[in-house]
C-alpha atoms as a PDB file:
ATOM      1  CA  MET A   1      35.827 -44.053 -69.726  1.00  0.00           C
ATOM      2  CA  ARG A   2      36.152 -45.749 -66.005  1.00  0.00           C
ATOM      3  CA  LEU A   3      38.619 -42.943 -64.356  1.00  0.00           C
ATOM      4  CA  SER A   4      36.510 -39.931 -65.721  1.00  0.00           C
ATOM      5  CA  ASN A   5      33.336 -41.452 -64.785  1.00  0.00           C
ATOM      6  CA  ARG A   6      34.961 -42.547 -61.341  1.00  0.00           C
ATOM      7  CA  ILE A   7      35.719 -38.780 -60.788  1.00  0.00           C
ATOM      8  CA  ALA A   8      32.418 -37.495 -61.629  1.00  0.00           C
ATOM      9  CA  ALA A   9      30.761 -39.967 -59.173  1.00  0.00           C
ATOM     10  CA  THR A  10      33.246 -39.247 -56.603  1.00  0.00           C
ATOM     11  CA  ALA A  11      32.290 -35.188 -56.912  1.00  0.00           C
ATOM     12  CA  LEU A  12      28.635 -35.869 -56.711  1.00  0.00           C
ATOM     13  CA  ALA A  13      29.242 -38.492 -53.506  1.00  0.00           C
ATOM     14  CA  ALA A  14      30.843 -35.330 -52.071  1.00  0.00           C
ATOM     15  CA  VAL A  15      27.695 -32.667 -53.327  1.00  0.00           C
ATOM     16  CA  MET A  16      25.584 -35.685 -51.378  1.00  0.00           C
ATOM     17  CA  ALA A  17      27.494 -35.638 -48.288  1.00  0.00           C
ATOM     18  CA  VAL A  18      27.639 -31.972 -47.641  1.00  0.00           C
ATOM     19  CA  SER A  19      23.932 -31.569 -48.651  1.00  0.00           C
ATOM     20  CA  MET A  20      23.038 -34.394 -46.060  1.00  0.00           C
ATOM     21  CA  LEU A  21      24.752 -32.409 -43.184  1.00  0.00           C
ATOM     22  CA  THR A  22      23.408 -29.307 -44.316  1.00  0.00           C
ATOM     23  CA  ALA A  23      19.857 -30.576 -43.938  1.00  0.00           C
ATOM     24  CA  CYS A  24      20.759 -32.470 -40.773  1.00  0.00           C
ATOM     25  CA  GLY A  25      21.708 -29.148 -39.517  1.00  0.00           C
ATOM     26  CA  GLY A  26      24.795 -30.515 -38.229  1.00  0.00           C
ATOM     27  CA  GLY A  27      27.868 -28.079 -36.626  1.00  0.00           C
ATOM     28  CA  GLY A  28      31.327 -29.271 -37.644  1.00  0.00           C
ATOM     29  CA  GLY A  29      32.719 -31.261 -34.699  1.00  0.00           C
ATOM     30  CA  GLY A  30      36.543 -32.611 -34.803  1.00  0.00           C
ATOM     31  CA  SER A  31      37.161 -36.120 -33.398  1.00  0.00           C
ATOM     32  CA  THR A  32      40.138 -37.828 -32.881  1.00  0.00           C
ATOM     33  CA  GLY A  33      40.897 -41.653 -32.284  1.00  0.00           C
ATOM     34  CA  GLY A  34      43.798 -43.692 -31.967  1.00  0.00           C
ATOM     35  CA  SER A  35      45.044 -46.239 -34.531  1.00  0.00           C
ATOM     36  CA  SER A  36      46.701 -49.525 -34.760  1.00  0.00           C
ATOM     37  CA  SER A  37      48.455 -51.010 -37.787  1.00  0.00           C
ATOM     38  CA  SER A  38      49.939 -54.595 -38.895  1.00  0.00           C
ATOM     39  CA  SER A  39      52.254 -54.869 -41.716  1.00  0.00           C
ATOM     40  CA  SER A  40      53.362 -58.024 -43.150  1.00  0.00           C
ATOM     41  CA  LYS A  41      56.665 -57.685 -46.125  1.00  0.00           C
ATOM     42  CA  PRO A  42      57.783 -60.688 -48.421  1.00  0.00           C
ATOM     43  CA  ALA A  43      60.819 -62.436 -47.031  1.00  0.00           C
ATOM     44  CA  GLY A  44      63.864 -60.502 -48.605  1.00  0.00           C
ATOM     45  CA  SER A  45      61.955 -57.341 -48.632  1.00  0.00           C
ATOM     46  CA  THR A  46      62.329 -54.110 -46.746  1.00  0.00           C
ATOM     47  CA  SER A  47      60.935 -50.768 -47.037  1.00  0.00           C
ATOM     48  CA  THR A  48      61.269 -47.426 -45.267  1.00  0.00           C
ATOM     49  CA  SER A  49      60.532 -43.791 -45.932  1.00  0.00           C
ATOM     50  CA  THR A  50      61.380 -40.355 -45.196  1.00  0.00           C
ATOM     51  CA  SER A  51      59.708 -37.163 -45.906  1.00  0.00           C
ATOM     52  CA  THR A  52      61.233 -33.703 -45.820  1.00  0.00           C
ATOM     53  CA  SER A  53      59.400 -30.013 -45.924  1.00  0.00           C
ATOM     54  CA  THR A  54      60.776 -26.585 -46.721  1.00  0.00           C
ATOM     55  CA  SER A  55      58.708 -23.621 -45.998  1.00  0.00           C
ATOM     56  CA  THR A  56      59.560 -20.055 -47.227  1.00  0.00           C
ATOM     57  CA  SER A  57      57.290 -17.728 -48.907  1.00  0.00           C
ATOM     58  CA  THR A  58      56.046 -20.432 -50.519  1.00  0.00           C
ATOM     59  CA  SER A  59      56.036 -24.192 -49.383  1.00  0.00           C
ATOM     60  CA  THR A  60      56.983 -27.306 -51.136  1.00  0.00           C
ATOM     61  CA  SER A  61      56.804 -30.678 -49.542  1.00  0.00           C
ATOM     62  CA  THR A  62      57.738 -34.221 -51.051  1.00  0.00           C
ATOM     63  CA  SER A  63      58.225 -37.627 -49.705  1.00  0.00           C
ATOM     64  CA  THR A  64      60.223 -40.491 -50.877  1.00  0.00           C
ATOM     65  CA  SER A  65      59.804 -44.308 -50.295  1.00  0.00           C
ATOM     66  CA  THR A  66      62.417 -47.169 -51.091  1.00  0.00           C
ATOM     67  CA  SER A  67      61.424 -50.488 -51.141  1.00  0.00           C
ATOM     68  CA  THR A  68      64.402 -53.302 -51.749  1.00  0.00           C
ATOM     69  CA  SER A  69      63.735 -56.946 -53.041  1.00  0.00           C
ATOM     70  CA  GLY A  70      65.713 -59.791 -55.027  1.00  0.00           C
ATOM     71  CA  SER A  71      64.520 -57.920 -58.546  1.00  0.00           C
ATOM     72  CA  GLY A  72      66.338 -54.445 -57.396  1.00  0.00           C
ATOM     73  CA  THR A  73      65.580 -51.265 -56.042  1.00  0.00           C
ATOM     74  CA  VAL A  74      62.816 -48.907 -56.854  1.00  0.00           C
ATOM     75  CA  THR A  75      62.407 -45.589 -55.632  1.00  0.00           C
ATOM     76  CA  ALA A  76      58.457 -43.433 -55.544  1.00  0.00           C
ATOM     77  CA  GLN A  77      58.502 -39.872 -55.068  1.00  0.00           C
ATOM     78  CA  LYS A  78      55.524 -38.290 -53.949  1.00  0.00           C
ATOM     79  CA  LYS A  79      54.425 -34.832 -55.079  1.00  0.00           C
ATOM     80  CA  GLN A  80      51.885 -32.525 -53.297  1.00  0.00           C
ATOM     81  CA  TRP A  81      48.902 -32.177 -55.855  1.00  0.00           C
ATOM     82  CA  LYS A  82      50.154 -28.277 -56.499  1.00  0.00           C
ATOM     83  CA  GLU A  83      53.925 -28.904 -57.046  1.00  0.00           C
ATOM     84  CA  THR A  84      52.687 -31.471 -59.788  1.00  0.00           C
ATOM     85  CA  LYS A  85      52.943 -30.935 -63.508  1.00  0.00           C
ATOM     86  CA  THR A  86      49.428 -32.405 -63.944  1.00  0.00           C
ATOM     87  CA  TYR A  87      48.122 -29.624 -62.082  1.00  0.00           C
ATOM     88  CA  SER A  88      50.395 -27.100 -63.486  1.00  0.00           C
ATOM     89  CA  GLU A  89      50.509 -27.983 -67.097  1.00  0.00           C
ATOM     90  CA  VAL A  90      47.027 -29.534 -67.290  1.00  0.00           C
ATOM     91  CA  VAL A  91      44.394 -28.655 -65.047  1.00  0.00           C
ATOM     92  CA  VAL A  92      44.981 -25.483 -64.329  1.00  0.00           C
ATOM     93  CA  LYS A  93      45.551 -24.417 -68.395  1.00  0.00           C
ATOM     94  CA  TYR A  94      42.288 -26.563 -69.671  1.00  0.00           C
ATOM     95  CA  ARG A  95      39.643 -25.434 -66.543  1.00  0.00           C
ATOM     96  CA  LYS A  96      40.169 -22.086 -68.367  1.00  0.00           C
ATOM     97  CA  GLY A  97      37.687 -23.574 -70.951  1.00  0.00           C
ATOM     98  CA  LYS A  98      39.368 -23.778 -74.274  1.00  0.00           C
ATOM     99  CA  ILE A  99      40.652 -27.624 -75.047  1.00  0.00           C
ATOM    100  CA  ASN A 100      41.759 -28.695 -78.691  1.00  0.00           C
ATOM    101  CA  ALA A 101      42.295 -32.720 -78.519  1.00  0.00           C
ATOM    102  CA  ALA A 102      42.780 -35.565 -80.780  1.00  0.00           C
ATOM    103  CA  GLY A 103      44.368 -38.879 -80.646  1.00  0.00           C
ATOM    104  CA  THR A 104      43.182 -42.289 -79.795  1.00  0.00           C
ATOM    105  CA  ILE A 105      41.437 -44.214 -77.015  1.00  0.00           C
ATOM    106  CA  THR A 106      42.406 -47.968 -76.397  1.00  0.00           C
ATOM    107  CA  GLU A 107      39.992 -50.148 -74.378  1.00  0.00           C
ATOM    108  CA  ASN A 108      39.481 -53.902 -74.400  1.00  0.00           C
ATOM    109  CA  ASP A 109      42.002 -54.038 -77.247  1.00  0.00           C
ATOM    110  CA  LYS A 110      39.385 -51.473 -79.576  1.00  0.00           C
ATOM    111  CA  GLU A 111      41.344 -48.394 -80.977  1.00  0.00           C
ATOM    112  CA  THR A 112      39.247 -45.726 -81.579  1.00  0.00           C
ATOM    113  CA  PRO A 113      40.357 -42.327 -83.228  1.00  0.00           C
ATOM    114  CA  TYR A 114      38.944 -39.392 -81.470  1.00  0.00           C
ATOM    115  CA  LYS A 115      38.770 -35.657 -81.703  1.00  0.00           C
ATOM    116  CA  TYR A 116      37.511 -33.004 -79.129  1.00  0.00           C
ATOM    117  CA  VAL A 117      37.218 -29.600 -78.933  1.00  0.00           C
ATOM    118  CA  THR A 118      35.331 -26.995 -76.618  1.00  0.00           C
ATOM    119  CA  ASP A 119      35.602 -22.791 -76.004  1.00  0.00           C
ATOM    120  CA  GLY A 120      34.165 -23.360 -72.934  1.00  0.00           C
ATOM    121  CA  LYS A 121      30.494 -23.224 -73.929  1.00  0.00           C
ATOM    122  CA  LYS A 122      30.268 -25.352 -77.306  1.00  0.00           C
ATOM    123  CA  GLU A 123      31.513 -28.436 -77.800  1.00  0.00           C
ATOM    124  CA  TYR A 124      32.573 -30.708 -80.628  1.00  0.00           C
ATOM    125  CA  SER A 125      33.351 -34.069 -80.611  1.00  0.00           C
ATOM    126  CA  GLU A 126      34.013 -36.785 -83.114  1.00  0.00           C
ATOM    127  CA  ILE A 127      34.798 -40.845 -83.497  1.00  0.00           C
ATOM    128  CA  ARG A 128      36.121 -42.656 -86.048  1.00  0.00           C
ATOM    129  CA  GLU A 129      35.415 -46.498 -87.182  1.00  0.00           C
ATOM    130  CA  SER A 130      35.212 -48.653 -90.071  1.00  0.00           C
ATOM    131  CA  GLY A 131      36.013 -45.630 -92.429  1.00  0.00           C
ATOM    132  CA  ALA A 132      32.765 -44.127 -90.906  1.00  0.00           C
ATOM    133  CA  VAL A 133      32.482 -40.467 -88.665  1.00  0.00           C
ATOM    134  CA  MET A 134      30.185 -39.906 -86.045  1.00  0.00           C
ATOM    135  CA  SER A 135      30.312 -36.834 -84.621  1.00  0.00           C
ATOM    136  CA  THR A 136      28.369 -34.014 -82.274  1.00  0.00           C
ATOM    137  CA  LEU A 137      28.250 -30.454 -81.717  1.00  0.00           C
ATOM    138  CA  SER A 138      26.490 -29.331 -78.831  1.00  0.00           C
ATOM    139  CA  ASP A 139      25.540 -25.977 -77.162  1.00  0.00           C
ATOM    140  CA  GLY A 140      24.565 -27.667 -73.597  1.00  0.00           C
ATOM    141  CA  THR A 141      20.736 -27.996 -74.722  1.00  0.00           C
ATOM    142  CA  ASN A 142      20.610 -29.362 -78.694  1.00  0.00           C
ATOM    143  CA  VAL A 143      23.037 -31.162 -80.324  1.00  0.00           C
ATOM    144  CA  PHE A 144      23.921 -31.864 -83.853  1.00  0.00           C
ATOM    145  CA  LEU A 145      24.692 -35.322 -84.916  1.00  0.00           C
ATOM    146  CA  THR A 146      26.033 -35.932 -87.359  1.00  0.00           C
ATOM    147  CA  ILE A 147      26.979 -39.579 -89.629  1.00  0.00           C
ATOM    148  CA  SER A 148      29.315 -39.743 -92.598  1.00  0.00           C
ATOM    149  CA  GLY A 149      30.094 -43.010 -94.146  1.00  0.00           C
ATOM    150  CA  LYS A 150      29.522 -45.494 -97.196  1.00  0.00           C
ATOM    151  CA  ASP A 151      25.699 -46.071 -97.769  1.00  0.00           C
ATOM    152  CA  ALA A 152      25.127 -49.579 -96.647  1.00  0.00           C
ATOM    153  CA  THR A 153      23.019 -50.259-100.168  1.00  0.00           C
ATOM    154  CA  SER A 154      24.413 -47.617-102.831  1.00  0.00           C
ATOM    155  CA  LYS A 155      28.039 -48.001-101.363  1.00  0.00           C
ATOM    156  CA  LYS A 156      28.463 -44.284-101.581  1.00  0.00           C
ATOM    157  CA  ASP A 157      29.828 -41.522 -99.635  1.00  0.00           C
ATOM    158  CA  VAL A 158      26.850 -39.999 -97.584  1.00  0.00           C
ATOM    159  CA  SER A 159      26.522 -37.729 -94.818  1.00  0.00           C
ATOM    160  CA  TYR A 160      23.243 -37.070 -92.585  1.00  0.00           C
ATOM    161  CA  SER A 161      22.743 -34.784 -89.776  1.00  0.00           C
ATOM    162  CA  PHE A 162      19.902 -34.577 -87.384  1.00  0.00           C
ATOM    163  CA  LYS A 163      19.508 -31.443 -84.555  1.00  0.00           C
ATOM    164  CA  MET A 164      17.398 -32.841 -81.667  1.00  0.00           C
ATOM    165  CA  PRO A 165      17.620 -32.036 -77.572  1.00  0.00           C
ATOM    166  CA  LYS A 166      21.067 -33.232 -75.625  1.00  0.00           C
ATOM    167  CA  LYS A 167      19.118 -35.452 -73.628  1.00  0.00           C
ATOM    168  CA  TYR A 168      17.654 -37.441 -76.447  1.00  0.00           C
ATOM    169  CA  VAL A 169      20.620 -37.764 -77.977  1.00  0.00           C
ATOM    170  CA  GLU A 170      22.423 -39.298 -75.010  1.00  0.00           C
ATOM    171  CA  GLU A 171      19.632 -41.732 -74.679  1.00  0.00           C
ATOM    172  CA  MET A 172      19.897 -42.967 -78.079  1.00  0.00           C
ATOM    173  CA  LEU A 173      23.562 -42.905 -78.551  1.00  0.00           C
ATOM    174  CA  GLY A 174      23.926 -44.769 -74.717  1.00  0.00           C
ATOM    175  CA  LYS A 175      24.876 -48.334 -76.275  1.00  0.00           C
ATOM    176  CA  ILE A 176      27.885 -47.223 -78.016  1.00  0.00           C
ATOM    177  CA  ASN A 177      31.033 -46.997 -76.682  1.00  0.00           C
ATOM    178  CA  PRO A 178      32.311 -44.584 -76.651  1.00  0.00           C
ATOM    179  CA  SER A 179      30.179 -42.561 -78.377  1.00  0.00           C
ATOM    180  CA  PRO A 180      31.172 -39.028 -79.335  1.00  0.00           C
ATOM    181  CA  LEU A 181      29.239 -37.109 -76.226  1.00  0.00           C
ATOM    182  CA  ASP A 182      31.173 -40.134 -74.079  1.00  0.00           C
ATOM    183  CA  VAL A 183      33.903 -38.948 -75.335  1.00  0.00           C
ATOM    184  CA  ALA A 184      33.458 -35.205 -75.266  1.00  0.00           C
ATOM    185  CA  ARG A 185      33.022 -35.904 -70.908  1.00  0.00           C
ATOM    186  CA  SER A 186      35.760 -38.348 -70.621  1.00  0.00           C
ATOM    187  CA  ILE A 187      38.298 -35.959 -72.101  1.00  0.00           C
ATOM    188  CA  LYS A 188      36.806 -32.820 -70.620  1.00  0.00           C
ATOM    189  CA  THR A 189      37.173 -34.546 -67.246  1.00  0.00           C
ATOM    190  CA  VAL A 190      40.472 -36.119 -66.862  1.00  0.00           C
ATOM    191  CA  LEU A 191      41.812 -33.109 -68.205  1.00  0.00           C
ATOM    192  CA  THR A 192      39.890 -30.439 -65.570  1.00  0.00           C
ATOM    193  CA  LEU A 193      39.584 -32.818 -63.078  1.00  0.00           C
ATOM    194  CA  GLN A 194      36.091 -31.399 -62.741  1.00  0.00           C
ATOM    195  CA  SER A 195      32.675 -32.583 -63.822  1.00  0.00           C
ATOM    196  CA  ASP A 196      29.094 -31.314 -63.000  1.00  0.00           C
ATOM    197  CA  HIS A 197      29.381 -32.304 -59.559  1.00  0.00           C
ATOM    198  CA  GLY A 198      32.546 -30.023 -58.741  1.00  0.00           C
ATOM    199  CA  LYS A 199      36.574 -30.925 -58.628  1.00  0.00           C
ATOM    200  CA  VAL A 200      38.242 -34.068 -57.572  1.00  0.00           C
ATOM    201  CA  GLU A 201      41.671 -32.775 -56.662  1.00  0.00           C
ATOM    202  CA  PRO A 202      44.303 -35.885 -55.223  1.00  0.00           C
ATOM    203  CA  LYS A 203      46.314 -34.452 -52.275  1.00  0.00           C
ATOM    204  CA  GLU A 204      49.671 -35.546 -53.872  1.00  0.00           C
ATOM    205  CA  MET A 205      50.580 -37.693 -56.692  1.00  0.00           C
ATOM    206  CA  THR A 206      53.439 -40.645 -57.160  1.00  0.00           C
ATOM    207  CA  VAL A 207      56.152 -39.847 -59.224  1.00  0.00           C
ATOM    208  CA  ASP A 208      57.404 -42.660 -61.589  1.00  0.00           C
ATOM    209  CA  GLN A 209      60.514 -41.039 -63.990  1.00  0.00           C
ATOM    210  CA  ASN A 210      61.011 -43.807 -66.282  1.00  0.00           C
ATOM    211  CA  LYS A 211      56.659 -45.156 -66.616  1.00  0.00           C
ATOM    212  CA  LYS A 212      57.811 -47.922 -69.298  1.00  0.00           C
ATOM    213  CA  ILE A 213      54.112 -47.712 -71.854  1.00  0.00           C
ATOM    214  CA  GLY A 214      55.059 -50.358 -74.932  1.00  0.00           C
ATOM    215  CA  ALA A 215      58.634 -48.917 -76.397  1.00  0.00           C
ATOM    216  CA  GLU A 216      58.154 -45.563 -74.607  1.00  0.00           C
ATOM    217  CA  THR A 217      59.141 -44.027 -71.462  1.00  0.00           C
ATOM    218  CA  TYR A 218      57.778 -41.145 -70.286  1.00  0.00           C
ATOM    219  CA  TYR A 219      57.690 -38.900 -66.674  1.00  0.00           C
ATOM    220  CA  ALA A 220      54.196 -40.117 -65.041  1.00  0.00           C
ATOM    221  CA  GLU A 221      52.370 -38.838 -62.494  1.00  0.00           C
ATOM    222  CA  SER A 222      49.563 -40.939 -60.846  1.00  0.00           C
ATOM    223  CA  PHE A 223      46.941 -41.427 -58.384  1.00  0.00           C
ATOM    224  CA  LYS A 224      44.322 -43.711 -56.643  1.00  0.00           C
ATOM    225  CA  GLN A 225      40.375 -43.110 -57.644  1.00  0.00           C
ATOM    226  CA  ASN A 226      38.141 -46.038 -56.366  1.00  0.00           C
ATOM    227  CA  GLY A 227      40.441 -49.295 -57.144  1.00  0.00           C
ATOM    228  CA  ASP A 228      41.726 -47.332 -60.734  1.00  0.00           C
ATOM    229  CA  VAL A 229      44.986 -45.639 -60.791  1.00  0.00           C
ATOM    230  CA  GLY A 230      45.398 -43.090 -63.362  1.00  0.00           C
ATOM    231  CA  TYR A 231      48.809 -42.170 -65.364  1.00  0.00           C
ATOM    232  CA  TYR A 232      49.216 -38.597 -66.480  1.00  0.00           C
ATOM    233  CA  CYS A 233      52.122 -39.609 -68.977  1.00  0.00           C
ATOM    234  CA  PHE A 234      54.467 -36.488 -70.117  1.00  0.00           C
ATOM    235  CA  LYS A 235      56.950 -35.959 -72.594  1.00  0.00           C
ATOM    236  CA  GLY A 236      58.953 -32.298 -71.063  1.00  0.00           C
ATOM    237  CA  THR A 237      55.874 -30.210 -70.000  1.00  0.00           C
ATOM    238  CA  GLN A 238      53.437 -32.006 -73.309  1.00  0.00           C
ATOM    239  CA  LEU A 239      50.771 -34.571 -71.440  1.00  0.00           C
ATOM    240  CA  LYS A 240      50.965 -37.277 -74.024  1.00  0.00           C
ATOM    241  CA  LYS A 241      49.091 -39.930 -72.770  1.00  0.00           C
ATOM    242  CA  LEU A 242      47.070 -41.244 -69.639  1.00  0.00           C
ATOM    243  CA  LEU A 243      46.825 -44.487 -68.842  1.00  0.00           C
ATOM    244  CA  ILE A 244      43.923 -46.718 -66.677  1.00  0.00           C
ATOM    245  CA  GLU A 245      44.981 -49.615 -64.640  1.00  0.00           C
ATOM    246  CA  ASP A 246      42.124 -51.388 -62.749  1.00  0.00           C
ATOM    247  CA  GLN A 247      44.062 -52.764 -59.901  1.00  0.00           C
ATOM    248  CA  ASP A 248      42.104 -55.939 -59.393  1.00  0.00           C
ATOM    249  CA  GLU A 249      42.353 -56.768 -63.185  1.00  0.00           C
ATOM    250  CA  ALA A 250      44.990 -55.918 -65.074  1.00  0.00           C
ATOM    251  CA  ALA A 251      43.789 -56.849 -68.484  1.00  0.00           C
ATOM    252  CA  ASN A 252      41.089 -54.495 -67.992  1.00  0.00           C
ATOM    253  CA  SER A 253      43.208 -50.940 -68.754  1.00  0.00           C
ATOM    254  CA  GLU A 254      42.280 -48.028 -71.088  1.00  0.00           C
ATOM    255  CA  THR A 255      44.722 -45.891 -72.527  1.00  0.00           C
ATOM    256  CA  ILE A 256      44.048 -42.322 -73.949  1.00  0.00           C
ATOM    257  CA  THR A 257      46.882 -41.049 -76.625  1.00  0.00           C
ATOM    258  CA  PHE A 258      46.977 -37.238 -77.047  1.00  0.00           C
ATOM    259  CA  ASP A 259      48.587 -36.761 -80.444  1.00  0.00           C
ATOM    260  CA  THR A 260      47.582 -33.181 -80.617  1.00  0.00           C
ATOM    261  CA  LEU A 261      46.682 -31.289 -77.282  1.00  0.00           C
ATOM    262  CA  ASN A 262      46.375 -27.549 -76.867  1.00  0.00           C
ATOM    263  CA  ASP A 263      44.266 -24.377 -76.183  1.00  0.00           C
ATOM    264  CA  SER A 264      44.214 -23.498 -79.984  1.00  0.00           C
ATOM    265  CA  LEU A 265      40.859 -23.327 -81.349  1.00  0.00           C
ATOM    266  CA  ASN A 266      39.600 -23.319 -85.078  1.00  0.00           C
ATOM    267  CA  ALA A 267      36.568 -21.274 -85.350  1.00  0.00           C
ATOM    268  CA  LYS A 268      35.336 -24.009 -88.488  1.00  0.00           C
ATOM    269  CA  ASP A 269      34.934 -26.449 -85.809  1.00  0.00           C
ATOM    270  CA  PHE A 270      31.919 -24.630 -84.268  1.00  0.00           C
ATOM    271  CA  ASP A 271      30.116 -24.112 -87.532  1.00  0.00           C
ATOM    272  CA  GLU A 272      26.335 -25.870 -87.464  1.00  0.00           C
ATOM    273  CA  PRO A 273      25.538 -27.851 -90.692  1.00  0.00           C
ATOM    274  CA  SER A 274      23.451 -25.971 -93.228  1.00  0.00           C
ATOM    275  CA  ASP A 275      21.104 -28.887 -93.898  1.00  0.00           C
ATOM    276  CA  TYR A 276      19.510 -31.487 -91.438  1.00  0.00           C
ATOM    277  CA  TYR A 277      16.638 -33.331 -90.052  1.00  0.00           C
ATOM    278  CA  GLU A 278      15.166 -31.539 -87.432  1.00  0.00           C
ATOM    279  CA  PHE A 279      13.105 -33.114 -84.280  1.00  0.00           C
ATOM    280  CA  ASN A 280      11.160 -32.275 -81.176  1.00  0.00           C
ATOM    281  CA  GLU A 281      12.025 -32.994 -77.831  1.00  0.00           C
ATOM    282  CA  ASN A 282      10.009 -35.853 -77.380  1.00  0.00           C
ATOM    283  CA  GLY A 283      11.821 -37.171 -80.374  1.00  0.00           C
ATOM    284  CA  SER A 284       9.238 -36.279 -83.148  1.00  0.00           C
ATOM    285  CA  TYR A 285      10.315 -35.573 -86.393  1.00  0.00           C
ATOM    286  CA  LYS A 286       9.488 -31.988 -86.927  1.00  0.00           C
ATOM    287  CA  GLY A 287      11.164 -31.856 -90.558  1.00  0.00           C
ATOM    288  CA  PRO A 288      14.106 -30.970 -92.950  1.00  0.00           C
ATOM    289  CA  VAL A 289      16.085 -27.794 -92.606  1.00  0.00           C
ATOM    290  CA  GLY A 290      17.857 -26.368 -95.796  1.00  0.00           C
ATOM    291  CA  ASN A 291      18.320 -29.250 -98.433  1.00  0.00           C
ATOM    292  CA  PRO A 292      19.686 -32.545 -96.582  1.00  0.00           C
ATOM    293  CA  ALA A 293      20.326 -35.240 -98.421  1.00  0.00           C
ATOM    294  CA  PRO A 294      17.617 -37.834 -99.078  1.00  0.00           C
ATOM    295  CA  LEU A 295      17.660 -40.759 -96.086  1.00  0.00           C
ATOM    296  CA  PRO A 296      17.440 -44.141 -97.610  1.00  0.00           C
ATOM    297  CA  LYS A 297      14.728 -45.272 -95.294  1.00  0.00           C
ATOM    298  CA  ALA A 298      12.454 -41.758 -94.342  1.00  0.00           C
ATOM    299  CA  THR A 299      10.299 -42.485 -91.329  1.00  0.00           C
ATOM    300  CA  GLN A 300       9.108 -40.255 -88.285  1.00  0.00           C
ATOM    301  CA  ASN A 301      10.988 -41.519 -85.951  1.00  0.00           C
ATOM    302  CA  ALA A 302      14.695 -40.808 -85.100  1.00  0.00           C
ATOM    303  CA  ASN A 303      15.655 -44.054 -83.470  1.00  0.00           C
ATOM    304  CA  SER A 304      14.192 -45.495 -86.870  1.00  0.00           C
ATOM    305  CA  MET A 305      16.159 -42.991 -89.138  1.00  0.00           C
ATOM    306  CA  LEU A 306      19.523 -43.245 -87.368  1.00  0.00           C
ATOM    307  CA  LYS A 307      19.312 -46.896 -87.730  1.00  0.00           C
ATOM    308  CA  ALA A 308      18.349 -46.618 -91.220  1.00  0.00           C
ATOM    309  CA  VAL A 309      21.997 -45.024 -91.662  1.00  0.00           C
ATOM    310  CA  HIS A 310      24.020 -46.479 -89.369  1.00  0.00           C
END
């Protein structure tokens, strides 16, 4: 979830910077200054760069850099942001609000199946682990949290639903990585490149025509974000994977696989449970709604109730 967190952090930083300028009453003053740079190249390595630009009624701009070393020649093409597949096939499409995504999230060798669906107002998200399913259905204010699986004592299939304020669910699920709410936030952020604090859009992306991930080869577009590099990996026009590489620690990478990714929604994904336990804003127990399954250890505290079934 690192790239999505850094996108959100960058957007927040931009908002704070604008706020500070406004508070100081600062006008826009331009400044220019000379710069000097030095570079060192490994022995046996040379690099050249060229850039071309054309302009008609629309404009395009690409740049290509070629490096040669003992291992061969590698050509990296850069594309302006609005010329990329990431922009046209992903960001433009999913900023409209509708997302239907499913696949796996792999981090630190842990693979977690997920599902995320939103119509722009409601969000449904689930994760699966060791035969259990944890899901959240949120309208932005309240959350239905559902936990399904086998009861630890009886070994029977059970399902419990709870309705409580979103802020309380976030606090309660804070130690679960990833939680359904983490998945919802992350998938939405990487597909739209925006968070509650605003948009984050690179000026350009680096193109790799033959990005190798495992046994598969993809067309990939990438950009750096605070030490991480995010690779948007395509088959044709379809985004199949998002690879997030830590430039400081290669082993600390994250992969989001999109087995399903489109904007076709099923209304049943947003059906609210009819039988659940309801909680007040402060986390105190309000009472059952409908006819929910009896809890193995009924208590008056939401945290204790969740511990009893998780």
